[in-house]
Amino acid sequence: MDKQEIISRINTFMVEDFEVDESAITPGADLKATLDLDSLDYIDLVVVIEQNFGFKVKPEDFQHMVTVQDFYDYVENRLQIANA
């Protein structure tokens, strides 16, 4: 899966599952503010990531994600590790 496909999938589930306005999804956008996440939303996000990308997510991984770009990079890195 290439980077553009990862970004496309993430953006799609942000819009469909979290009702984020597509225009708000930019690489520099604050992840929490963009997704308006609370603790229950993080659980939903973990489930959506695992379903879409096939790897397990640790809740503490989110502590290092600030921007949407951080999120893209996290998924890309985890997929590279899983496919190595």
C-alpha atoms as a PDB file:
ATOM      1  CA  MET A   1       0.000   0.000   0.000  1.00  0.00           C
ATOM      2  CA  ASP A   2       1.516   3.320  -1.009  1.00  0.00           C
ATOM      3  CA  LYS A   3       1.417   6.567   0.937  1.00  0.00           C
ATOM      4  CA  GLN A   4      -1.376   8.090  -1.160  1.00  0.00           C
ATOM      5  CA  GLU A   5      -3.608   5.067  -0.599  1.00  0.00           C
ATOM      6  CA  ILE A   6      -2.968   5.276   3.148  1.00  0.00           C
ATOM      7  CA  ILE A   7      -3.891   8.961   3.173  1.00  0.00           C
ATOM      8  CA  SER A   8      -7.002   8.306   1.105  1.00  0.00           C
ATOM      9  CA  ARG A   9      -8.211   5.533   3.422  1.00  0.00           C
ATOM     10  CA  ILE A  10      -7.578   7.597   6.538  1.00  0.00           C
ATOM     11  CA  ASN A  11      -9.350  10.629   5.105  1.00  0.00           C
ATOM     12  CA  THR A  12     -12.301   8.487   4.022  1.00  0.00           C
ATOM     13  CA  PHE A  13     -12.871   6.993   7.456  1.00  0.00           C
ATOM     14  CA  MET A  14     -12.371  10.374   9.140  1.00  0.00           C
ATOM     15  CA  VAL A  15     -15.217  11.737   7.007  1.00  0.00           C
ATOM     16  CA  GLU A  16     -17.473   8.668   7.122  1.00  0.00           C
ATOM     17  CA  ASP A  17     -16.938   7.333  10.647  1.00  0.00           C
ATOM     18  CA  PHE A  18     -16.064  10.504  12.573  1.00  0.00           C
ATOM     19  CA  GLU A  19     -18.082  13.018  10.517  1.00  0.00           C
ATOM     20  CA  VAL A  20     -15.090  15.304   9.963  1.00  0.00           C
ATOM     21  CA  ASP A  21     -15.491  17.993   7.321  1.00  0.00           C
ATOM     22  CA  GLU A  22     -13.177  16.905   4.507  1.00  0.00           C
ATOM     23  CA  SER A  23     -11.813  20.434   4.112  1.00  0.00           C
ATOM     24  CA  ALA A  24     -10.571  20.289   7.740  1.00  0.00           C
ATOM     25  CA  ILE A  25      -8.333  17.301   7.026  1.00  0.00           C
ATOM     26  CA  THR A  26      -4.941  18.790   6.239  1.00  0.00           C
ATOM     27  CA  PRO A  27      -1.508  17.417   7.155  1.00  0.00           C
ATOM     28  CA  GLY A  28      -0.846  20.240   9.637  1.00  0.00           C
ATOM     29  CA  ALA A  29      -4.247  20.092  11.329  1.00  0.00           C
ATOM     30  CA  ASP A  30      -4.304  19.216  15.020  1.00  0.00           C
ATOM     31  CA  LEU A  31      -5.536  15.630  15.194  1.00  0.00           C
ATOM     32  CA  LYS A  32      -7.586  15.966  18.372  1.00  0.00           C
ATOM     33  CA  ALA A  33      -9.185  19.250  17.315  1.00  0.00           C
ATOM     34  CA  THR A  34      -9.883  18.043  13.764  1.00  0.00           C
ATOM     35  CA  LEU A  35     -11.472  14.804  14.882  1.00  0.00           C
ATOM     36  CA  ASP A  36     -12.943  16.318  18.056  1.00  0.00           C
ATOM     37  CA  LEU A  37     -11.822  13.176  19.870  1.00  0.00           C
ATOM     38  CA  ASP A  38     -12.780  12.125  23.345  1.00  0.00           C
ATOM     39  CA  SER A  39     -11.674   8.945  25.095  1.00  0.00           C
ATOM     40  CA  LEU A  40     -14.459   6.841  23.574  1.00  0.00           C
ATOM     41  CA  ASP A  41     -13.597   8.124  20.106  1.00  0.00           C
ATOM     42  CA  TYR A  42     -10.040   6.879  20.579  1.00  0.00           C
ATOM     43  CA  ILE A  43     -11.392   3.380  21.114  1.00  0.00           C
ATOM     44  CA  ASP A  44     -13.445   3.695  17.925  1.00  0.00           C
ATOM     45  CA  LEU A  45     -10.388   5.019  16.092  1.00  0.00           C
ATOM     46  CA  VAL A  46      -8.294   2.041  17.211  1.00  0.00           C
ATOM     47  CA  VAL A  47     -10.965  -0.346  15.913  1.00  0.00           C
ATOM     48  CA  VAL A  48     -11.219   1.476  12.576  1.00  0.00           C
ATOM     49  CA  ILE A  49      -7.429   1.452  12.120  1.00  0.00           C
ATOM     50  CA  GLU A  50      -7.225  -2.262  12.913  1.00  0.00           C
ATOM     51  CA  GLN A  51     -10.060  -3.037  10.482  1.00  0.00           C
ATOM     52  CA  ASN A  52      -8.656  -0.894   7.667  1.00  0.00           C
ATOM     53  CA  PHE A  53      -4.963  -1.666   8.007  1.00  0.00           C
ATOM     54  CA  GLY A  54      -4.759  -5.029   9.775  1.00  0.00           C
ATOM     55  CA  PHE A  55      -2.399  -4.233  12.640  1.00  0.00           C
ATOM     56  CA  LYS A  56      -2.923  -3.834  16.376  1.00  0.00           C
ATOM     57  CA  VAL A  57      -2.727  -0.361  17.865  1.00  0.00           C
ATOM     58  CA  LYS A  58      -1.544   0.420  21.371  1.00  0.00           C
ATOM     59  CA  PRO A  59      -3.419   3.306  23.004  1.00  0.00           C
ATOM     60  CA  GLU A  60      -0.120   4.866  24.096  1.00  0.00           C
ATOM     61  CA  ASP A  61       0.851   5.241  20.423  1.00  0.00           C
ATOM     62  CA  PHE A  62      -1.589   8.144  20.253  1.00  0.00           C
ATOM     63  CA  GLN A  63       0.386  10.128  22.828  1.00  0.00           C
ATOM     64  CA  HIS A  64       2.924  11.012  20.137  1.00  0.00           C
ATOM     65  CA  MET A  65       0.418  11.993  17.458  1.00  0.00           C
ATOM     66  CA  VAL A  66      -0.322  15.691  17.323  1.00  0.00           C
ATOM     67  CA  THR A  67      -1.114  16.416  13.683  1.00  0.00           C
ATOM     68  CA  VAL A  68      -2.946  14.581  10.952  1.00  0.00           C
ATOM     69  CA  GLN A  69       0.473  14.127   9.287  1.00  0.00           C
ATOM     70  CA  ASP A  70       1.733  12.358  12.421  1.00  0.00           C
ATOM     71  CA  PHE A  71      -1.223  10.000  12.061  1.00  0.00           C
ATOM     72  CA  TYR A  72      -0.458   9.333   8.372  1.00  0.00           C
ATOM     73  CA  ASP A  73       3.205   8.693   9.237  1.00  0.00           C
ATOM     74  CA  TYR A  74       2.306   6.372  12.117  1.00  0.00           C
ATOM     75  CA  VAL A  75       0.113   4.180   9.903  1.00  0.00           C
ATOM     76  CA  GLU A  76       2.688   4.155   7.109  1.00  0.00           C
ATOM     77  CA  ASN A  77       5.493   3.171   9.510  1.00  0.00           C
ATOM     78  CA  ARG A  78       3.435   0.415  11.143  1.00  0.00           C
ATOM     79  CA  LEU A  79       2.532  -1.019   7.730  1.00  0.00           C
ATOM     80  CA  GLN A  80       6.206  -1.000   6.685  1.00  0.00           C
ATOM     81  CA  ILE A  81       7.139  -2.871   9.874  1.00  0.00           C
ATOM     82  CA  ALA A  82       4.320  -5.379   9.384  1.00  0.00           C
ATOM     83  CA  ASN A  83       5.352  -6.024   5.795  1.00  0.00           C
ATOM     84  CA  ALA A  84       9.101  -6.296   6.480  1.00  0.00           C
END
